[in-house]
Amino acid sequence: MGENETVASQTAPSEPPEPPHQAGCRPHPVAHLPASRLGVKRLVTAEPATGLGGLVERLHLRTTLERAARFSTARLAVVVFALIIVVVATLLSLPFASAEDASPSFVDALFTATSAVCVTGLTVVDTATYWSTFGQLVIIVGAAIGGLGVMTLASLLSLAVSRHVGLTQRMMAATENQSRLGDVASLLRAVVLTATIVESVLTIVLLPRFMTLGMDPFHALWYAFFMALSIFNNAGFVVMPEGLTPYATDWWMGLPIVVGTFVGAVGFPVILDVTRNLTRPRRWTLHSKLTLATYTGLSAVSAVTIAAFEWTNRATYGSLPTGGRILTALVNGVNARSSGLSTIAPEHMHESTWFLQDVLMFVGGGSASTAGGIKVSTFAVLLLAILAEARGDQDIEAFGRRITPSTVRLSVAVAFIGASIVGLASLALLEMTDLSLDRILFEVISALATVGLSTGITPLLPDNAKYVLIALMFLGRVGTMTAASALALRERRRVIRMPEERPLIG
């Protein structure tokens, strides 16, 4: 008797007696052969799973995650994002996460964790001096994870749990990423590949610069790695104790910030589309054309305008040579849009510059990118709608394509929701503090748009005001995307429509 037969005979239950054969029916010639002769192995009773896998099976977590990944992706994304923030905050609360081996306060740890995962860059303590190397690593890894985006995280989780992307999830991912349903898997691969390549290139470019400053290879590599992730993910964190101010005229440091911020802020769907059709720009999607044109135009306008406002300000541009002013203008052209990395202190700028940056921060960067704001595509659609109405055009067109009315309604909804949140949060902070409206508005929009620029008031805010900024950063990173996806999927088809009538406007 073979080994398989031994196991089978020990574990299989006794077989019931065979029924008597009917008259005139001959039994099949193999009916009474043993299982081993037929080449069939009897089933062995499986032992219950042990360890973490057994716990997951017993609690039915796998089934729950599969159902959530398929049918409640937006909710799952918010929950996953919140859990990541909790994990990062817990790690930052450990004593060895701070440079002085002292646990930070709960609100400071939560604020820093939210700012990192939401790739904002607002800080209540100095990143370079307060946190240890372990704490800084937790911050930048949290920023790298957050930079992948809410819907991308949900897509990756869905693939990992259910081994495929469900139809509902694919619809929501395609809605946010402006991509065809069949492109979602390619988009996920492009996200990881693009982030890895760009961050590696930035690290290689910045490493020699830090070594020329007299740093040892370990610190030079650590600074280059940290800044590369911070630049591409538009995180706004700086690991150098002296900050970026000494590098205001350093093109070797400034240009990587400009280029890396631009690549991270235009969005992964644009990167995927452009790389596929690099030599055929006419085949770029409307979303790519709108994003690139609007982002580039706003960056150029903001660089020139901010430079004009601050050219003679001795506290900002005025003390720099001409080359340094041009470089600073280029950095300001992209940092107010998303990155928050600044070579000059925003608190020393004029109030007119603050207001201009308020508008730029509110617009933000590209959809499905590391940037925040209402997104440049939303801003472009609103502008096109206004131009079409002013011209009396029935259709809203751009680059030879017609924009659907549902897209316009969605853009209006996203912009109005964002503006409403800014207004309510500003009112709350005005009641909680004695600060002026211009500083409060700047800080609120910076938090909601996940930019990270500050007039210097964030560390001075009371705890209740810090919690307001925490909520703003979270809403700014997950709220607009999930709200847009949810609104897009709630479009209803009606057979009976009401009579049309136009109320007076204006």
Protein backbone atom coordinates (compact mmCIF):
# COMPACT_ATOMS: atom_id res chain seq x y z
CA MET A 1 0.00 0.00 0.00
CA GLY A 2 1.40 3.44 -1.04
CA GLU A 3 1.79 6.48 1.13
CA ASN A 4 -1.23 8.21 -0.41
CA GLU A 5 -3.39 5.21 0.29
CA THR A 6 -2.24 5.10 3.89
CA VAL A 7 -3.14 8.74 4.49
CA ALA A 8 -6.43 8.34 2.74
CA SER A 9 -7.41 5.29 4.73
CA GLN A 10 -6.62 7.01 7.98
CA THR A 11 -8.43 10.25 7.28
CA ALA A 12 -11.35 9.37 5.02
CA PRO A 13 -14.65 8.43 6.68
CA SER A 14 -16.05 4.96 6.25
CA GLU A 15 -17.96 4.58 2.99
CA PRO A 16 -21.67 3.73 3.04
CA PRO A 17 -22.66 0.28 1.76
CA GLU A 18 -23.20 0.09 -1.93
CA PRO A 19 -26.80 -0.13 -3.10
CA PRO A 20 -27.88 -3.42 -4.61
CA HIS A 21 -27.60 -3.59 -8.36
CA GLN A 22 -30.79 -3.47 -10.29
CA ALA A 23 -31.83 -6.54 -12.15
CA GLY A 24 -30.50 -6.75 -15.63
CA CYS A 25 -27.86 -4.09 -15.02
CA ARG A 26 -24.29 -5.13 -14.88
CA PRO A 27 -22.00 -3.11 -12.62
CA HIS A 28 -19.38 -0.98 -14.30
CA PRO A 29 -16.10 -2.88 -14.53
CA VAL A 30 -14.27 -0.23 -12.51
CA ALA A 31 -16.96 0.32 -9.93
CA HIS A 32 -15.28 -1.80 -7.26
CA LEU A 33 -11.67 -0.90 -7.96
CA PRO A 34 -9.80 0.88 -5.13
CA ALA A 35 -9.09 4.55 -5.47
CA SER A 36 -5.37 3.96 -5.83
CA ARG A 37 -6.00 1.74 -8.86
CA LEU A 38 -8.06 4.49 -10.48
CA GLY A 39 -5.40 7.13 -9.95
CA VAL A 40 -7.69 9.14 -7.64
CA LYS A 41 -6.42 10.57 -4.37
CA ARG A 42 -8.93 10.89 -1.60
CA LEU A 43 -9.33 14.29 0.00
CA VAL A 44 -7.50 14.85 3.26
CA THR A 45 -9.29 16.88 5.92
CA ALA A 46 -7.50 20.26 6.09
CA GLU A 47 -6.31 21.49 9.41
CA PRO A 48 -7.56 24.93 10.41
CA ALA A 49 -5.22 27.73 9.36
CA THR A 50 -3.00 29.14 12.04
CA GLY A 51 -1.21 32.41 12.54
CA LEU A 52 -2.18 35.69 10.85
CA GLY A 53 -3.71 33.89 7.86
CA GLY A 54 -5.95 31.88 10.15
CA LEU A 55 -7.02 34.99 12.02
CA VAL A 56 -7.92 36.70 8.73
CA GLU A 57 -9.96 33.69 7.61
CA ARG A 58 -11.78 33.33 10.95
CA LEU A 59 -12.69 37.02 11.06
CA HIS A 60 -13.76 36.95 7.41
CA LEU A 61 -11.50 39.93 6.73
CA ARG A 62 -10.64 38.76 3.25
CA THR A 63 -14.27 38.61 2.18
CA THR A 64 -14.95 42.01 3.71
CA LEU A 65 -11.95 43.58 1.96
CA GLU A 66 -12.88 42.03 -1.37
CA ARG A 67 -16.42 43.37 -1.13
CA ALA A 68 -15.21 46.84 -0.08
CA ALA A 69 -12.57 46.96 -2.83
CA ARG A 70 -15.18 46.14 -5.46
CA PHE A 71 -18.22 48.09 -4.37
CA SER A 72 -17.07 50.81 -1.91
CA THR A 73 -13.72 51.88 -3.29
CA ALA A 74 -14.01 55.53 -2.31
CA ARG A 75 -14.90 54.63 1.26
CA LEU A 76 -12.12 52.04 1.36
CA ALA A 77 -9.62 54.58 0.06
CA VAL A 78 -10.52 57.05 2.81
CA VAL A 79 -10.25 54.34 5.47
CA VAL A 80 -6.90 53.11 4.14
CA PHE A 81 -5.56 56.65 4.00
CA ALA A 82 -6.69 57.31 7.56
CA LEU A 83 -5.10 54.07 8.76
CA ILE A 84 -1.80 55.04 7.14
CA ILE A 85 -1.91 58.36 8.99
CA VAL A 86 -2.59 56.55 12.27
CA VAL A 87 0.37 54.22 11.69
CA VAL A 88 2.71 57.10 10.85
CA ALA A 89 1.49 59.11 13.86
CA THR A 90 2.06 56.10 16.11
CA LEU A 91 5.62 55.66 14.84
CA LEU A 92 6.33 59.37 15.31
CA SER A 93 5.04 59.14 18.88
CA LEU A 94 7.83 56.74 19.80
CA PRO A 95 10.56 58.31 21.95
CA PHE A 96 13.39 57.49 19.51
CA ALA A 97 11.52 59.24 16.68
CA SER A 98 12.60 62.60 18.09
CA ALA A 99 16.18 63.81 18.28
CA GLU A 100 15.98 64.25 22.06
CA ASP A 101 14.40 60.82 22.75
CA ALA A 102 11.27 62.47 24.07
CA SER A 103 7.79 61.62 22.83
CA PRO A 104 6.14 64.54 21.04
CA SER A 105 2.67 65.67 21.96
CA PHE A 106 -0.21 63.81 20.36
CA VAL A 107 -1.37 66.77 18.28
CA ASP A 108 2.16 67.42 16.96
CA ALA A 109 2.64 63.77 15.98
CA LEU A 110 -0.79 63.62 14.34
CA PHE A 111 -0.25 66.94 12.57
CA THR A 112 3.12 65.86 11.18
CA ALA A 113 1.78 62.46 10.13
CA THR A 114 -1.18 64.02 8.33
CA SER A 115 1.05 66.59 6.68
CA ALA A 116 3.40 63.84 5.48
CA VAL A 117 0.83 61.35 4.20
CA CYS A 118 -1.23 64.13 2.62
CA VAL A 119 2.02 65.47 1.06
CA THR A 120 1.41 68.95 2.43
CA GLY A 121 4.60 70.04 4.18
CA LEU A 122 3.10 72.23 6.89
CA THR A 123 5.03 71.69 10.11
CA VAL A 124 4.60 72.54 13.76
CA VAL A 125 8.18 71.53 14.61
CA ASP A 126 11.37 71.79 12.57
CA THR A 127 11.80 68.63 10.51
CA ALA A 128 15.60 68.74 10.40
CA THR A 129 16.29 69.37 14.08
CA TYR A 130 13.32 68.00 16.02
CA TRP A 131 13.04 64.54 14.48
CA SER A 132 15.70 61.83 14.56
CA THR A 133 16.83 59.99 11.43
CA PHE A 134 14.19 57.35 12.17
CA GLY A 135 11.50 60.02 12.50
CA GLN A 136 12.59 61.67 9.26
CA LEU A 137 12.51 58.30 7.50
CA VAL A 138 8.96 57.69 8.74
CA ILE A 139 7.93 61.13 7.47
CA ILE A 140 9.38 60.76 3.99
CA VAL A 141 8.12 57.18 3.54
CA GLY A 142 4.66 58.38 4.57
CA ALA A 143 4.93 61.14 1.99
CA ALA A 144 5.98 58.64 -0.69
CA ILE A 145 2.98 56.44 0.08
CA GLY A 146 0.65 59.42 0.16
CA GLY A 147 2.07 60.66 -3.13
CA LEU A 148 0.71 57.62 -4.90
CA GLY A 149 -2.77 59.01 -4.40
CA VAL A 150 -5.94 57.82 -2.77
CA MET A 151 -7.49 56.04 -5.72
CA THR A 152 -4.15 54.52 -6.69
CA LEU A 153 -3.79 53.07 -3.21
CA ALA A 154 -7.30 51.69 -3.43
CA SER A 155 -6.53 50.18 -6.83
CA LEU A 156 -3.37 48.54 -5.57
CA LEU A 157 -5.21 47.19 -2.54
CA SER A 158 -7.98 45.88 -4.74
CA LEU A 159 -5.47 44.08 -6.95
CA ALA A 160 -3.70 42.61 -3.95
CA VAL A 161 -6.89 41.38 -2.27
CA SER A 162 -9.10 40.22 -5.12
CA ARG A 163 -6.39 39.70 -7.76
CA HIS A 164 -8.30 41.84 -10.22
CA VAL A 165 -9.93 45.26 -10.48
CA GLY A 166 -13.70 45.11 -10.15
CA LEU A 167 -15.94 47.01 -12.55
CA THR A 168 -17.07 49.58 -9.99
CA GLN A 169 -13.50 50.22 -8.92
CA ARG A 170 -12.35 50.51 -12.53
CA MET A 171 -15.09 53.04 -13.23
CA MET A 172 -14.05 55.18 -10.27
CA ALA A 173 -10.35 54.96 -11.04
CA ALA A 174 -10.99 55.82 -14.66
CA THR A 175 -13.16 58.77 -13.60
CA GLU A 176 -10.42 60.27 -11.48
CA ASN A 177 -7.55 59.45 -13.80
CA GLN A 178 -9.36 60.45 -17.00
CA SER A 179 -8.31 57.09 -18.43
CA ARG A 180 -10.10 54.32 -20.30
CA LEU A 181 -11.20 51.31 -18.25
CA GLY A 182 -8.62 49.11 -19.92
CA ASP A 183 -5.83 51.52 -18.96
CA VAL A 184 -6.23 51.19 -15.19
CA ALA A 185 -3.77 48.32 -14.85
CA SER A 186 -1.28 50.13 -17.06
CA LEU A 187 -1.78 53.26 -15.02
CA LEU A 188 -0.97 51.42 -11.80
CA ARG A 189 2.24 50.09 -13.27
CA ALA A 190 3.09 53.52 -14.62
CA VAL A 191 2.56 55.09 -11.19
CA VAL A 192 5.07 52.85 -9.44
CA LEU A 193 7.54 52.85 -12.33
CA THR A 194 7.39 56.61 -12.80
CA ALA A 195 7.81 57.34 -9.10
CA THR A 196 10.77 54.98 -8.84
CA ILE A 197 12.53 56.31 -11.94
CA VAL A 198 12.03 60.01 -11.20
CA GLU A 199 12.99 59.70 -7.54
CA SER A 200 16.09 57.68 -8.46
CA VAL A 201 17.15 60.25 -11.07
CA LEU A 202 16.64 63.13 -8.62
CA THR A 203 18.69 61.28 -6.01
CA ILE A 204 21.53 60.74 -8.48
CA VAL A 205 21.46 64.40 -9.54
CA LEU A 206 21.40 65.80 -6.00
CA LEU A 207 23.95 63.40 -4.49
CA PRO A 208 27.08 65.04 -6.03
CA ARG A 209 25.84 68.47 -4.99
CA PHE A 210 25.62 67.50 -1.34
CA MET A 211 29.01 65.81 -1.52
CA THR A 212 30.55 69.00 -2.89
CA LEU A 213 29.32 70.73 0.27
CA GLY A 214 31.73 68.61 2.32
CA MET A 215 29.24 66.02 3.57
CA ASP A 216 30.25 62.42 4.12
CA PRO A 217 28.75 59.89 1.64
CA PHE A 218 26.12 58.65 4.11
CA HIS A 219 24.69 62.08 4.94
CA ALA A 220 24.95 63.19 1.30
CA LEU A 221 23.02 60.12 0.15
CA TRP A 222 20.43 60.54 2.90
CA TYR A 223 19.87 64.22 2.08
CA ALA A 224 19.65 63.47 -1.65
CA PHE A 225 17.20 60.60 -1.10
CA PHE A 226 15.00 62.60 1.28
CA MET A 227 14.87 65.66 -0.96
CA ALA A 228 14.25 63.58 -4.09
CA LEU A 229 11.16 62.00 -2.53
CA SER A 230 10.03 65.34 -1.11
CA ILE A 231 10.39 67.08 -4.50
CA PHE A 232 8.66 64.51 -6.67
CA ASN A 233 5.83 63.88 -4.21
CA ASN A 234 5.40 67.64 -3.71
CA ALA A 235 5.72 66.95 0.01
CA GLY A 236 7.34 70.23 1.01
CA PHE A 237 9.59 68.77 3.74
CA VAL A 238 13.23 69.85 4.01
CA VAL A 239 15.84 67.78 5.81
CA MET A 240 18.70 70.30 5.78
CA PRO A 241 19.01 72.16 9.12
CA GLU A 242 19.64 75.45 7.33
CA GLY A 243 16.62 74.95 5.03
CA LEU A 244 16.58 75.98 1.38
CA THR A 245 17.41 79.64 1.94
CA PRO A 246 21.18 79.22 1.33
CA TYR A 247 20.35 77.61 -2.04
CA ALA A 248 18.36 80.52 -3.45
CA THR A 249 21.03 81.12 -6.10
CA ASP A 250 22.09 77.46 -6.50
CA TRP A 251 20.94 76.24 -9.93
CA TRP A 252 22.16 72.72 -9.16
CA MET A 253 19.61 72.59 -6.34
CA GLY A 254 16.90 74.80 -7.83
CA LEU A 255 16.45 73.21 -11.25
CA PRO A 256 15.80 69.70 -9.87
CA ILE A 257 13.14 71.24 -7.63
CA VAL A 258 11.46 72.90 -10.63
CA VAL A 259 11.61 69.89 -12.94
CA GLY A 260 10.79 67.28 -10.28
CA THR A 261 7.85 69.30 -9.00
CA PHE A 262 6.51 69.74 -12.54
CA VAL A 263 6.69 66.01 -13.31
CA GLY A 264 5.03 65.07 -10.04
CA ALA A 265 2.32 67.70 -10.33
CA VAL A 266 1.05 67.12 -13.88
CA GLY A 267 -0.31 63.72 -12.92
CA PHE A 268 0.36 60.10 -13.74
CA PRO A 269 -2.26 59.84 -16.54
CA VAL A 270 -0.52 62.69 -18.36
CA ILE A 271 2.88 61.06 -17.92
CA LEU A 272 1.52 57.76 -19.22
CA ASP A 273 -0.15 59.40 -22.21
CA VAL A 274 2.85 61.54 -23.15
CA THR A 275 5.34 58.68 -22.91
CA ARG A 276 3.13 56.48 -25.08
CA ASN A 277 2.79 59.16 -27.76
CA LEU A 278 6.00 61.10 -27.25
CA THR A 279 6.55 61.77 -30.95
CA ARG A 280 2.85 62.16 -31.74
CA PRO A 281 1.50 65.06 -29.65
CA ARG A 282 -1.67 65.16 -31.76
CA ARG A 283 -2.69 61.84 -30.24
CA TRP A 284 -2.50 63.13 -26.69
CA THR A 285 -5.80 63.04 -24.86
CA LEU A 286 -7.77 66.19 -24.17
CA HIS A 287 -6.98 65.80 -20.47
CA SER A 288 -3.23 65.77 -21.17
CA LYS A 289 -3.42 68.80 -23.44
CA LEU A 290 -5.54 70.78 -20.99
CA THR A 291 -3.33 69.87 -18.03
CA LEU A 292 -0.02 70.65 -19.72
CA ALA A 293 -1.24 73.87 -21.31
CA THR A 294 -2.94 75.20 -18.19
CA TYR A 295 -0.23 74.14 -15.74
CA THR A 296 2.56 75.57 -17.91
CA GLY A 297 0.67 78.80 -18.53
CA LEU A 298 -0.17 79.33 -14.86
CA SER A 299 3.41 78.54 -13.84
CA ALA A 300 4.79 81.09 -16.27
CA VAL A 301 2.28 83.75 -15.23
CA SER A 302 2.89 83.14 -11.52
CA ALA A 303 6.68 83.22 -11.94
CA VAL A 304 6.59 86.54 -13.77
CA THR A 305 3.95 88.12 -11.52
CA ILE A 306 5.52 87.08 -8.21
CA ALA A 307 8.89 88.30 -9.43
CA ALA A 308 7.34 91.63 -10.41
CA PHE A 309 5.70 92.01 -6.99
CA GLU A 310 8.83 91.05 -5.03
CA TRP A 311 11.66 92.32 -7.26
CA THR A 312 12.55 95.23 -5.01
CA ASN A 313 11.62 93.63 -1.71
CA ARG A 314 14.90 93.42 0.23
CA ALA A 315 13.54 90.62 2.41
CA THR A 316 12.88 88.36 -0.60
CA TYR A 317 14.10 89.04 -4.15
CA GLY A 318 15.77 92.39 -3.57
CA SER A 319 18.92 91.03 -1.91
CA LEU A 320 19.59 88.42 -4.62
CA PRO A 321 21.65 88.81 -7.81
CA THR A 322 19.83 88.73 -11.12
CA GLY A 323 20.51 85.03 -11.67
CA GLY A 324 19.23 84.22 -8.21
CA ARG A 325 16.08 86.24 -8.81
CA ILE A 326 15.37 84.35 -12.03
CA LEU A 327 15.92 81.00 -10.33
CA THR A 328 13.74 82.00 -7.39
CA ALA A 329 11.01 83.10 -9.81
CA LEU A 330 11.13 79.69 -11.51
CA VAL A 331 10.85 77.94 -8.15
CA ASN A 332 7.97 80.20 -7.13
CA GLY A 333 6.27 79.40 -10.42
CA VAL A 334 5.77 75.78 -9.33
CA ASN A 335 5.98 75.80 -5.53
CA ALA A 336 2.79 77.80 -4.99
CA ARG A 337 0.99 75.29 -7.16
CA SER A 338 1.85 72.20 -5.17
CA SER A 339 5.33 71.58 -3.76
CA GLY A 340 5.63 74.14 -0.97
CA LEU A 341 9.43 74.10 -1.30
CA SER A 342 10.60 77.70 -1.20
CA THR A 343 14.06 79.22 -1.25
CA ILE A 344 12.73 82.45 0.28
CA ALA A 345 10.54 82.90 3.34
CA PRO A 346 6.88 83.44 2.33
CA GLU A 347 6.22 85.35 5.56
CA HIS A 348 8.34 88.23 4.24
CA MET A 349 6.37 88.63 1.01
CA HIS A 350 3.89 91.41 0.31
CA GLU A 351 0.20 90.89 1.00
CA SER A 352 -0.52 91.16 -2.74
CA THR A 353 1.84 88.22 -3.34
CA TRP A 354 0.04 86.23 -0.65
CA PHE A 355 -3.29 86.79 -2.37
CA LEU A 356 -1.86 85.74 -5.74
CA GLN A 357 -0.46 82.60 -4.17
CA ASP A 358 -3.86 81.94 -2.56
CA VAL A 359 -5.37 81.70 -6.04
CA LEU A 360 -2.54 79.55 -7.38
CA MET A 361 -2.66 77.17 -4.42
CA PHE A 362 -6.42 76.80 -4.72
CA VAL A 363 -6.08 75.75 -8.37
CA GLY A 364 -3.33 73.25 -7.61
CA GLY A 365 -1.88 70.73 -10.05
CA GLY A 366 -3.02 67.88 -12.27
CA SER A 367 -5.57 65.18 -11.52
CA ALA A 368 -4.24 61.89 -10.08
CA SER A 369 -0.97 63.60 -9.25
CA THR A 370 0.99 64.37 -6.11
CA ALA A 371 -0.44 67.90 -6.14
CA GLY A 372 -3.59 69.18 -4.45
CA GLY A 373 -6.12 71.92 -5.13
CA ILE A 374 -9.20 71.70 -7.32
CA LYS A 375 -6.86 70.70 -10.18
CA VAL A 376 -5.86 72.61 -13.30
CA SER A 377 -8.24 70.61 -15.51
CA THR A 378 -11.15 71.79 -13.37
CA PHE A 379 -9.93 75.38 -13.64
CA ALA A 380 -9.50 75.02 -17.41
CA VAL A 381 -13.03 73.67 -17.89
CA LEU A 382 -14.47 76.57 -15.89
CA LEU A 383 -12.53 79.09 -17.98
CA LEU A 384 -13.65 77.44 -21.21
CA ALA A 385 -17.25 77.49 -20.04
CA ILE A 386 -17.01 81.21 -19.30
CA LEU A 387 -15.42 81.91 -22.70
CA ALA A 388 -18.07 79.87 -24.51
CA GLU A 389 -20.84 81.73 -22.70
CA ALA A 390 -19.23 85.08 -23.47
CA ARG A 391 -18.96 84.19 -27.15
CA GLY A 392 -22.47 82.77 -27.31
CA ASP A 393 -21.23 79.31 -28.31
CA GLN A 394 -23.57 76.42 -27.71
CA ASP A 395 -20.75 73.94 -27.15
CA ILE A 396 -17.63 74.14 -24.99
CA GLU A 397 -14.69 73.10 -27.13
CA ALA A 398 -10.94 72.73 -26.71
CA PHE A 399 -8.26 71.20 -28.95
CA GLY A 400 -10.85 69.95 -31.42
CA ARG A 401 -12.95 68.20 -28.80
CA ARG A 402 -16.31 69.02 -27.21
CA ILE A 403 -16.55 68.98 -23.41
CA THR A 404 -19.70 67.36 -22.05
CA PRO A 405 -22.14 69.34 -19.86
CA SER A 406 -21.71 66.75 -17.08
CA THR A 407 -18.00 67.61 -16.92
CA VAL A 408 -18.83 71.28 -16.53
CA ARG A 409 -21.33 70.56 -13.75
CA LEU A 410 -18.77 68.39 -11.98
CA SER A 411 -16.15 71.15 -12.22
CA VAL A 412 -18.55 73.68 -10.76
CA ALA A 413 -19.39 71.33 -7.91
CA VAL A 414 -15.75 70.62 -7.06
CA ALA A 415 -14.80 74.31 -7.14
CA PHE A 416 -17.80 75.33 -5.04
CA ILE A 417 -17.16 72.62 -2.45
CA GLY A 418 -13.52 73.71 -2.19
CA ALA A 419 -14.42 77.38 -1.83
CA SER A 420 -17.03 76.58 0.80
CA ILE A 421 -14.54 74.60 2.87
CA VAL A 422 -12.05 77.48 2.68
CA GLY A 423 -14.67 79.94 3.86
CA LEU A 424 -15.87 77.83 6.79
CA ALA A 425 -12.35 76.97 7.94
CA SER A 426 -11.25 80.61 7.74
CA LEU A 427 -14.19 81.66 9.89
CA ALA A 428 -13.33 78.98 12.43
CA LEU A 429 -9.67 80.01 12.67
CA LEU A 430 -10.58 83.69 12.92
CA GLU A 431 -12.70 82.84 15.97
CA MET A 432 -9.95 80.67 17.51
CA THR A 433 -7.08 83.11 17.05
CA ASP A 434 -6.34 86.84 16.93
CA LEU A 435 -4.55 86.61 13.58
CA SER A 436 -5.39 88.69 10.52
CA LEU A 437 -7.50 87.38 7.66
CA ASP A 438 -4.69 87.45 5.08
CA ARG A 439 -2.51 85.10 7.15
CA ILE A 440 -5.44 82.85 8.08
CA LEU A 441 -6.61 82.58 4.47
CA PHE A 442 -3.10 81.78 3.28
CA GLU A 443 -2.69 79.01 5.85
CA VAL A 444 -6.15 77.51 5.22
CA ILE A 445 -5.72 77.32 1.45
CA SER A 446 -2.20 75.97 1.84
CA ALA A 447 -3.53 73.17 4.05
CA LEU A 448 -6.57 72.35 1.90
CA ALA A 449 -4.55 72.45 -1.33
CA THR A 450 -1.78 70.36 0.34
CA VAL A 451 0.86 72.91 -0.65
CA GLY A 452 2.72 73.53 2.60
CA LEU A 453 3.65 77.19 2.23
CA SER A 454 3.22 79.15 5.44
CA THR A 455 3.39 82.68 6.71
CA GLY A 456 5.00 81.30 9.86
CA ILE A 457 1.89 81.06 12.03
CA THR A 458 1.35 77.26 12.01
CA PRO A 459 3.67 76.47 14.97
CA LEU A 460 2.02 79.27 16.95
CA LEU A 461 -1.55 78.06 16.54
CA PRO A 462 -3.48 76.64 19.50
CA ASP A 463 -4.27 72.94 19.49
CA ASN A 464 -7.88 73.37 18.35
CA ALA A 465 -6.69 75.38 15.33
CA LYS A 466 -4.12 72.67 14.54
CA TYR A 467 -6.92 70.11 14.47
CA VAL A 468 -8.74 72.29 11.94
CA LEU A 469 -5.66 72.27 9.69
CA ILE A 470 -5.36 68.50 10.14
CA ALA A 471 -8.93 68.09 8.90
CA LEU A 472 -8.23 70.45 5.99
CA MET A 473 -5.15 68.50 4.90
CA PHE A 474 -7.05 65.23 5.02
CA LEU A 475 -10.02 66.66 3.13
CA GLY A 476 -7.75 68.29 0.61
CA ARG A 477 -6.02 65.03 -0.19
CA VAL A 478 -8.95 62.60 -0.17
CA GLY A 479 -12.03 64.79 -0.26
CA THR A 480 -11.93 66.33 -3.72
CA MET A 481 -11.00 63.08 -5.49
CA THR A 482 -13.53 60.88 -3.73
CA ALA A 483 -16.20 63.57 -4.00
CA ALA A 484 -15.56 63.93 -7.72
CA SER A 485 -15.73 60.16 -8.24
CA ALA A 486 -18.88 59.84 -6.16
CA LEU A 487 -20.59 62.70 -7.98
CA ALA A 488 -19.60 61.31 -11.36
CA LEU A 489 -21.07 57.90 -10.57
CA ARG A 490 -24.34 59.37 -9.26
CA GLU A 491 -25.44 60.57 -12.69
CA ARG A 492 -28.98 59.29 -13.20
CA ARG A 493 -30.75 58.52 -16.42
CA ARG A 494 -34.30 59.82 -16.49
CA VAL A 495 -36.92 58.84 -19.05
CA ILE A 496 -39.22 61.75 -18.23
CA ARG A 497 -37.64 65.21 -18.18
CA MET A 498 -39.19 68.46 -16.97
CA PRO A 499 -39.93 71.35 -19.36
CA GLU A 500 -36.96 73.63 -19.93
CA GLU A 501 -36.92 77.21 -18.72
CA ARG A 502 -34.13 79.72 -18.11
CA PRO A 503 -34.12 81.84 -14.93
CA LEU A 504 -32.51 85.27 -14.95
CA ILE A 505 -28.78 85.20 -14.14
CA GLY A 506 -26.76 88.22 -13.07
